[in-house]
Amino acid sequence: MSVIRPFDPTDILRFNKVNQDPWTATYHNGYYCSYAAQWPDFCYTAESPCDGGIDAYMIAKHEPPAPDPQHHGHLTALSISPPSRGLGLARIFMALLEQLSGPGKDCVDAWFVDLFVRCNNTRAVSMYEKMGYSVFRRVVE
C-alpha cells in the first residue's frame, strides 16, 4: 500500500516511472511547481513505503476565484504507475479532491469538480464513469 502525502516539488525528480506511460500528460517542471506553490492543498503524491518511489500523483486546483458561480475543483493530472494500477489510488485521490472542493472547514465550497480525459483513453473514461462522472462535452483536437 502507498502512503498519501502532500506533493513536494522534489517529487518531480522521482516520478519518471509514473510519467513514462503513453497515456500520461506531462508538463514542464515549472508547471508542477506552480501548482504546488499556488494550490498546495490540492496536490498529492502516493509514495511506496518499501522503496520510497513515487507510485502516483495528483495535481489539481480550484478556479475561478470564489464567489464566482462557476467556482469549481479541477483535476489537472492524476497519474498512476502501471504496477500500482488497480489498487484504488485513483479513487482515493478523487475522493480527496471532491472533499477539498466541497463545503466545510479547510475546503473551498466549489460547485462541482471537472477533469479532461482523452476520448481514446477508454480505461480512464470507464473508471471515471464508474465513479459517477459523466461526459459534459468533447474537446475536438
Protein backbone atom coordinates (compact mmCIF):
# COMPACT_ATOMS: atom_id res chain seq x y z
CA MET A 1 0.00 0.00 0.00
CA SER A 2 1.13 3.53 -0.70
CA VAL A 3 1.41 6.46 1.67
CA ILE A 4 -0.60 9.50 0.54
CA ARG A 5 1.17 12.75 1.36
CA PRO A 6 1.31 16.34 0.09
CA PHE A 7 3.11 16.78 -3.24
CA ASP A 8 6.61 18.18 -2.87
CA PRO A 9 8.32 19.88 -5.83
CA THR A 10 11.27 17.50 -5.42
CA ASP A 11 8.87 14.67 -6.35
CA ILE A 12 9.39 15.83 -9.94
CA LEU A 13 12.87 14.31 -9.77
CA ARG A 14 11.46 10.92 -8.76
CA PHE A 15 8.26 10.30 -10.72
CA ASN A 16 9.67 9.07 -14.04
CA LYS A 17 8.11 5.60 -13.64
CA VAL A 18 4.72 7.31 -13.44
CA ASN A 19 5.22 9.66 -16.38
CA GLN A 20 6.67 7.10 -18.81
CA ASP A 21 3.19 5.81 -19.56
CA PRO A 22 1.89 6.92 -23.01
CA TRP A 23 -1.49 7.95 -21.53
CA THR A 24 0.09 10.39 -19.07
CA ALA A 25 0.05 14.07 -19.99
CA THR A 26 3.37 15.50 -18.90
CA TYR A 27 4.25 19.10 -18.26
CA HIS A 28 7.43 21.10 -17.76
CA ASN A 29 8.87 21.22 -14.24
CA GLY A 30 7.78 24.81 -13.67
CA TYR A 31 4.18 23.83 -14.29
CA TYR A 32 4.21 21.26 -11.48
CA CYS A 33 6.00 23.72 -9.19
CA SER A 34 3.45 26.46 -9.89
CA TYR A 35 0.63 24.14 -8.83
CA ALA A 36 2.49 23.10 -5.69
CA ALA A 37 3.01 26.78 -4.84
CA GLN A 38 -0.44 28.11 -5.74
CA TRP A 39 -2.67 25.16 -4.70
CA PRO A 40 -0.58 23.11 -2.27
CA ASP A 41 -3.68 21.66 -0.59
CA PHE A 42 -4.78 20.20 -3.95
CA CYS A 43 -1.56 18.38 -4.88
CA TYR A 44 -0.72 14.92 -3.51
CA THR A 45 1.70 12.07 -4.02
CA ALA A 46 1.38 8.35 -3.34
CA GLU A 47 4.75 7.07 -2.19
CA SER A 48 5.82 3.45 -1.81
CA PRO A 49 6.71 2.66 1.82
CA CYS A 50 9.07 -0.06 0.57
CA ASP A 51 11.43 1.80 -1.73
CA GLY A 52 10.33 5.45 -1.40
CA GLY A 53 9.44 5.56 -5.10
CA ILE A 54 6.51 7.56 -6.41
CA ASP A 55 3.54 5.32 -7.25
CA ALA A 56 1.14 8.09 -8.29
CA TYR A 57 0.41 11.79 -8.02
CA MET A 58 -2.44 14.23 -8.38
CA ILE A 59 -2.20 17.92 -9.19
CA ALA A 60 -5.41 19.88 -9.04
CA LYS A 61 -6.73 23.36 -8.40
CA HIS A 62 -9.87 25.38 -7.85
CA GLU A 63 -10.93 28.13 -10.23
CA PRO A 64 -12.16 30.83 -10.88
CA PRO A 65 -11.85 32.52 -7.51
CA ALA A 66 -14.87 32.36 -5.22
CA PRO A 67 -17.55 33.70 -5.07
CA ASP A 68 -17.79 33.23 -8.86
CA PRO A 69 -20.81 30.97 -9.57
CA GLN A 70 -18.57 28.74 -11.72
CA HIS A 71 -16.09 28.17 -8.87
CA HIS A 72 -15.07 24.51 -9.13
CA GLY A 73 -12.39 21.98 -8.42
CA HIS A 74 -10.36 20.90 -11.44
CA LEU A 75 -8.25 17.77 -11.76
CA THR A 76 -5.25 18.69 -13.89
CA ALA A 77 -3.34 15.41 -13.69
CA LEU A 78 -3.85 12.11 -11.96
CA SER A 79 -1.14 9.66 -12.97
CA ILE A 80 -0.50 6.18 -11.60
CA SER A 81 2.46 3.96 -12.43
CA PRO A 82 1.43 0.78 -14.27
CA PRO A 83 2.41 -1.58 -11.39
CA SER A 84 0.26 0.46 -8.97
CA ARG A 85 -2.91 0.48 -11.07
CA GLY A 86 -5.96 -1.33 -9.78
CA LEU A 87 -5.11 -0.63 -6.13
CA GLY A 88 -7.73 2.11 -5.69
CA LEU A 89 -5.32 5.06 -5.74
CA ALA A 90 -7.38 6.96 -8.33
CA ARG A 91 -10.50 6.56 -6.20
CA ILE A 92 -8.60 7.80 -3.12
CA PHE A 93 -7.25 10.85 -4.96
CA MET A 94 -10.65 11.70 -6.46
CA ALA A 95 -12.36 11.36 -3.07
CA LEU A 96 -9.74 13.72 -1.64
CA LEU A 97 -10.30 16.24 -4.45
CA GLU A 98 -14.08 16.07 -4.01
CA GLN A 99 -13.73 16.56 -0.26
CA LEU A 100 -11.38 19.55 -0.68
CA SER A 101 -13.71 21.06 -3.29
CA GLY A 102 -16.81 20.69 -1.12
CA PRO A 103 -18.18 22.66 1.82
CA GLY A 104 -16.63 22.57 5.24
CA LYS A 105 -13.65 23.67 7.25
CA ASP A 106 -10.46 23.98 5.14
CA CYS A 107 -12.47 23.35 1.95
CA VAL A 108 -13.24 25.74 -0.92
CA ASP A 109 -17.03 25.23 -1.26
CA ALA A 110 -16.93 24.73 -5.04
CA TRP A 111 -19.99 23.90 -7.13
CA PHE A 112 -18.53 20.89 -8.95
CA VAL A 113 -15.35 19.03 -9.93
CA ASP A 114 -14.25 18.62 -13.53
CA LEU A 115 -11.46 16.98 -15.48
CA PHE A 116 -10.39 16.23 -19.03
CA VAL A 117 -9.64 12.75 -20.39
CA ARG A 118 -8.57 11.82 -23.90
CA CYS A 119 -11.53 10.17 -25.66
CA ASN A 120 -9.37 7.23 -26.75
CA ASN A 121 -8.27 6.55 -23.16
CA THR A 122 -11.22 4.21 -22.71
CA ARG A 123 -9.88 2.69 -19.50
CA ALA A 124 -9.75 6.10 -17.79
CA VAL A 125 -13.14 7.15 -19.19
CA SER A 126 -14.68 3.94 -17.84
CA MET A 127 -13.03 4.42 -14.46
CA TYR A 128 -14.34 7.98 -14.08
CA GLU A 129 -17.82 6.94 -15.21
CA LYS A 130 -17.82 4.23 -12.51
CA MET A 131 -17.01 6.99 -10.01
CA GLY A 132 -20.11 8.89 -11.15
CA TYR A 133 -18.56 11.36 -13.60
CA SER A 134 -20.16 11.94 -16.99
CA VAL A 135 -19.14 13.39 -20.32
CA PHE A 136 -20.20 17.03 -20.34
CA ARG A 137 -18.57 17.93 -23.65
CA ARG A 138 -15.93 16.66 -26.03
CA VAL A 139 -12.96 18.81 -26.95
CA VAL A 140 -12.06 18.40 -30.62
CA GLU A 141 -8.33 18.40 -31.24
